[in-house]
């Protein structure tokens, strides 16, 4: 019982710190982009996307030597492509971070907060350069590949840092590479469905 109480307290302290970091992150984004206005609808969508990212990350997971892999990357790419940085960076970072805490891996939470948020930014920066979004565009593919590759690189470095050694970097990297490939494939499968159903347009209206 004492151990569980201490564990809950530690997680609560981490959540408080994450909340403060996210707040500073959001305020920093607002300073960089003063035209962004957080309307009630955008805040509600951000909450929905945070929940989707968290559930997608938790839905199918596999333990690796230093962490776990999942299929949440597909939804990171989807939200980033269809809704842009304003509605993707913070929900992606926070949803992925909460998934780490839910899986009792709080040591990964701050790494995830930064890595996933930056992954969403990379996807937005590359894939949304065209005025009209196209799932089949080369910029979309480039954004998905570069964002996923960045995620593999950063998590490999973080894993080595936590292990205290770079001698077996390839062990975690191969799992992360597998996760990245599956994530891109699922991104296109779900993206095709979204394009056909026009769900994102209904949310925008």
Protein backbone atom coordinates (compact mmCIF):
# COMPACT_ATOMS: atom_id res chain seq x y z
CA UNK A 1 0.00 0.00 0.00
CA UNK A 2 2.81 2.41 0.91
CA UNK A 3 4.55 1.64 -2.39
CA UNK A 4 1.36 2.36 -4.36
CA UNK A 5 0.86 5.66 -2.53
CA UNK A 6 4.44 6.71 -3.26
CA UNK A 7 4.06 5.65 -6.91
CA UNK A 8 0.86 7.71 -7.29
CA UNK A 9 2.52 10.70 -5.62
CA UNK A 10 5.54 10.45 -7.95
CA UNK A 11 3.27 10.28 -11.00
CA UNK A 12 1.25 13.24 -9.71
CA UNK A 13 4.43 15.30 -9.29
CA UNK A 14 5.47 14.39 -12.84
CA UNK A 15 2.04 15.36 -14.20
CA UNK A 16 2.29 18.75 -12.48
CA UNK A 17 5.73 19.32 -14.03
CA UNK A 18 4.48 18.18 -17.46
CA UNK A 19 1.50 20.53 -17.18
CA UNK A 20 3.83 23.46 -16.44
CA UNK A 21 6.11 22.50 -19.35
CA UNK A 22 3.15 22.25 -21.72
CA UNK A 23 1.88 25.65 -20.57
CA UNK A 24 5.28 27.23 -21.26
CA UNK A 25 5.36 25.42 -24.62
CA UNK A 26 1.93 26.75 -25.61
CA UNK A 27 2.79 30.28 -24.52
CA UNK A 28 5.99 30.06 -26.54
CA UNK A 29 4.02 29.01 -29.61
CA UNK A 30 1.64 31.92 -29.08
CA UNK A 31 4.57 34.35 -28.87
CA UNK A 32 5.96 32.97 -32.14
CA UNK A 33 2.53 33.03 -33.80
CA UNK A 34 0.48 35.86 -32.25
CA UNK A 35 -2.29 35.35 -34.86
CA UNK A 36 -3.27 32.03 -33.24
CA UNK A 37 -6.49 32.35 -31.26
CA UNK A 38 -7.60 29.52 -28.98
CA UNK A 39 -11.37 29.54 -29.47
CA UNK A 40 -13.61 27.16 -27.46
CA UNK A 41 -13.99 24.95 -30.55
CA UNK A 42 -10.22 24.71 -31.03
CA UNK A 43 -9.72 23.91 -27.37
CA UNK A 44 -12.37 21.17 -27.59
CA UNK A 45 -10.74 19.72 -30.71
CA UNK A 46 -7.35 19.82 -29.00
CA UNK A 47 -8.78 17.82 -26.11
CA UNK A 48 -10.31 15.31 -28.54
CA UNK A 49 -7.03 14.91 -30.42
CA UNK A 50 -5.10 14.51 -27.16
CA UNK A 51 -7.44 11.67 -26.20
CA UNK A 52 -7.19 10.06 -29.65
CA UNK A 53 -3.38 10.14 -29.58
CA UNK A 54 -3.30 8.67 -26.08
CA UNK A 55 -5.75 5.85 -26.91
CA UNK A 56 -4.04 5.06 -30.22
CA UNK A 57 -0.70 4.81 -28.41
CA UNK A 58 -2.12 2.54 -25.71
CA UNK A 59 -4.25 0.37 -28.00
CA UNK A 60 -1.51 -1.94 -29.30
CA UNK A 61 1.86 -1.93 -27.55
CA UNK A 62 4.87 -4.22 -27.43
CA UNK A 63 7.61 -4.05 -24.83
CA UNK A 64 11.17 -3.49 -25.99
CA UNK A 65 14.40 -3.71 -23.95
CA UNK A 66 14.20 -0.06 -22.84
CA UNK A 67 10.63 0.99 -23.60
CA UNK A 68 7.78 0.03 -25.92
CA UNK A 69 6.55 0.44 -29.48
CA UNK A 70 3.00 1.27 -30.58
CA UNK A 71 0.86 2.40 -33.51
CA UNK A 72 0.23 5.92 -32.24
CA UNK A 73 2.63 7.45 -34.80
CA UNK A 74 0.03 6.96 -37.54
CA UNK A 75 -2.36 9.27 -35.70
CA UNK A 76 0.42 11.75 -34.95
CA UNK A 77 0.95 12.07 -38.70
CA UNK A 78 -2.78 12.20 -39.47
CA UNK A 79 -3.59 14.96 -36.99
CA UNK A 80 -0.54 16.95 -38.11
CA UNK A 81 -1.44 16.69 -41.80
CA UNK A 82 -5.14 17.47 -41.61
CA UNK A 83 -5.26 19.99 -38.76
CA UNK A 84 -1.90 21.77 -38.83
CA UNK A 85 0.44 22.89 -36.04
CA UNK A 86 -2.21 24.89 -34.22
CA UNK A 87 -4.27 21.79 -33.42
CA UNK A 88 -1.62 19.08 -33.49
CA UNK A 89 1.64 19.96 -31.74
CA UNK A 90 0.34 20.31 -28.18
CA UNK A 91 -2.27 17.47 -28.39
CA UNK A 92 0.31 15.12 -29.92
CA UNK A 93 2.94 15.95 -27.30
CA UNK A 94 0.52 15.78 -24.37
CA UNK A 95 -1.39 12.68 -25.54
CA UNK A 96 1.81 10.71 -26.11
CA UNK A 97 3.20 11.88 -22.78
CA UNK A 98 0.05 10.77 -20.93
CA UNK A 99 0.33 7.36 -22.59
CA UNK A 100 3.81 6.96 -21.09
CA UNK A 101 2.42 7.75 -17.66
CA UNK A 102 -0.52 5.39 -18.13
CA UNK A 103 1.90 2.57 -19.00
CA UNK A 104 3.93 3.33 -15.86
CA UNK A 105 6.92 4.60 -17.79
CA UNK A 106 7.21 8.12 -16.34
CA UNK A 107 10.94 8.23 -17.11
CA UNK A 108 10.02 8.60 -20.80
CA UNK A 109 7.39 11.32 -20.32
CA UNK A 110 9.56 14.42 -20.78
CA UNK A 111 11.49 12.87 -23.68
CA UNK A 112 8.17 12.05 -25.35
CA UNK A 113 6.76 15.52 -24.72
CA UNK A 114 9.59 17.08 -26.72
CA UNK A 115 10.14 14.38 -29.37
CA UNK A 116 6.50 13.88 -30.35
CA UNK A 117 5.76 17.60 -30.36
CA UNK A 118 8.72 18.19 -32.66
CA UNK A 119 7.69 15.25 -34.85
CA UNK A 120 4.27 16.86 -35.35
CA UNK A 121 5.94 20.19 -36.17
CA UNK A 122 8.18 18.54 -38.78
CA UNK A 123 5.21 16.81 -40.40
CA UNK A 124 3.28 20.08 -40.54
CA UNK A 125 6.23 22.09 -41.85
CA UNK A 126 6.89 19.71 -44.76
CA UNK A 127 3.48 18.28 -45.67
CA UNK A 128 1.47 21.51 -45.46
CA UNK A 129 3.63 23.56 -47.83
CA UNK A 130 1.03 23.11 -50.56
CA UNK A 131 -2.10 25.31 -50.38
CA UNK A 132 -4.24 22.21 -50.97
CA UNK A 133 -3.73 19.08 -48.87
CA UNK A 134 -3.16 15.85 -50.77
CA UNK A 135 -2.50 12.51 -49.15
CA UNK A 136 -0.69 11.30 -52.28
CA UNK A 137 1.54 14.38 -52.55
CA UNK A 138 5.31 13.95 -52.38
CA UNK A 139 5.46 16.55 -49.61
CA UNK A 140 3.09 14.43 -47.51
CA UNK A 141 5.29 11.36 -47.97
CA UNK A 142 8.43 13.38 -47.26
CA UNK A 143 6.90 14.81 -44.08
CA UNK A 144 5.86 11.37 -42.84
CA UNK A 145 9.28 9.85 -43.57
CA UNK A 146 11.35 12.71 -42.15
CA UNK A 147 9.15 13.02 -39.06
CA UNK A 148 9.28 9.27 -38.42
CA UNK A 149 13.04 9.13 -39.02
CA UNK A 150 13.52 11.98 -36.55
CA UNK A 151 11.45 10.05 -34.00
CA UNK A 152 13.60 6.91 -34.49
CA UNK A 153 16.83 8.89 -34.11
CA UNK A 154 15.78 10.82 -31.01
CA UNK A 155 14.31 7.83 -29.18
CA UNK A 156 17.41 5.78 -29.97
CA UNK A 157 19.60 8.51 -28.47
CA UNK A 158 17.28 8.85 -25.47
CA UNK A 159 17.34 5.08 -24.95
CA UNK A 160 21.15 5.01 -25.03
CA UNK A 161 21.27 7.95 -22.64
CA UNK A 162 18.98 6.19 -20.17
CA UNK A 163 20.90 2.92 -20.50
CA UNK A 164 24.18 4.76 -19.94
CA UNK A 165 25.78 3.18 -23.00
CA UNK A 166 25.75 3.53 -26.79
CA UNK A 167 27.20 0.07 -27.39
CA UNK A 168 23.83 -1.59 -28.12
CA UNK A 169 22.01 1.27 -29.82
CA UNK A 170 20.91 -0.98 -32.69
CA UNK A 171 18.73 -3.16 -30.41
CA UNK A 172 16.26 -0.37 -29.68
CA UNK A 173 16.73 1.22 -33.11
CA UNK A 174 15.47 -1.85 -35.00
CA UNK A 175 12.22 -1.86 -32.99
CA UNK A 176 11.80 1.87 -33.48
CA UNK A 177 12.40 1.49 -37.22
CA UNK A 178 9.74 -1.23 -37.36
CA UNK A 179 7.35 1.08 -35.48
CA UNK A 180 8.10 3.92 -37.92
CA UNK A 181 7.44 1.80 -41.03
CA UNK A 182 4.17 0.43 -39.62
CA UNK A 183 3.18 3.96 -38.58
CA UNK A 184 3.64 5.34 -42.10
CA UNK A 185 1.71 2.43 -43.64
CA UNK A 186 -1.19 2.87 -41.20
CA UNK A 187 -1.07 6.62 -41.81
CA UNK A 188 -1.83 6.07 -45.49
CA UNK A 189 -4.50 3.44 -44.80
CA UNK A 190 -6.38 5.63 -42.33
CA UNK A 191 -5.67 8.72 -44.43
CA UNK A 192 -7.36 7.10 -47.43
CA UNK A 193 -10.44 6.40 -45.28
CA UNK A 194 -10.46 9.97 -43.96
CA UNK A 195 -10.18 11.37 -47.49
CA UNK A 196 -13.12 9.27 -48.66
CA UNK A 197 -15.35 10.12 -45.69
CA UNK A 198 -14.26 13.81 -45.48
CA UNK A 199 -14.33 13.62 -41.67
CA UNK A 200 -11.78 16.40 -41.26
CA UNK A 201 -13.95 18.80 -43.28
CA UNK A 202 -16.89 18.16 -40.97
CA UNK A 203 -14.71 19.03 -37.97
CA UNK A 204 -13.54 22.23 -39.66
CA UNK A 205 -17.07 23.39 -40.51
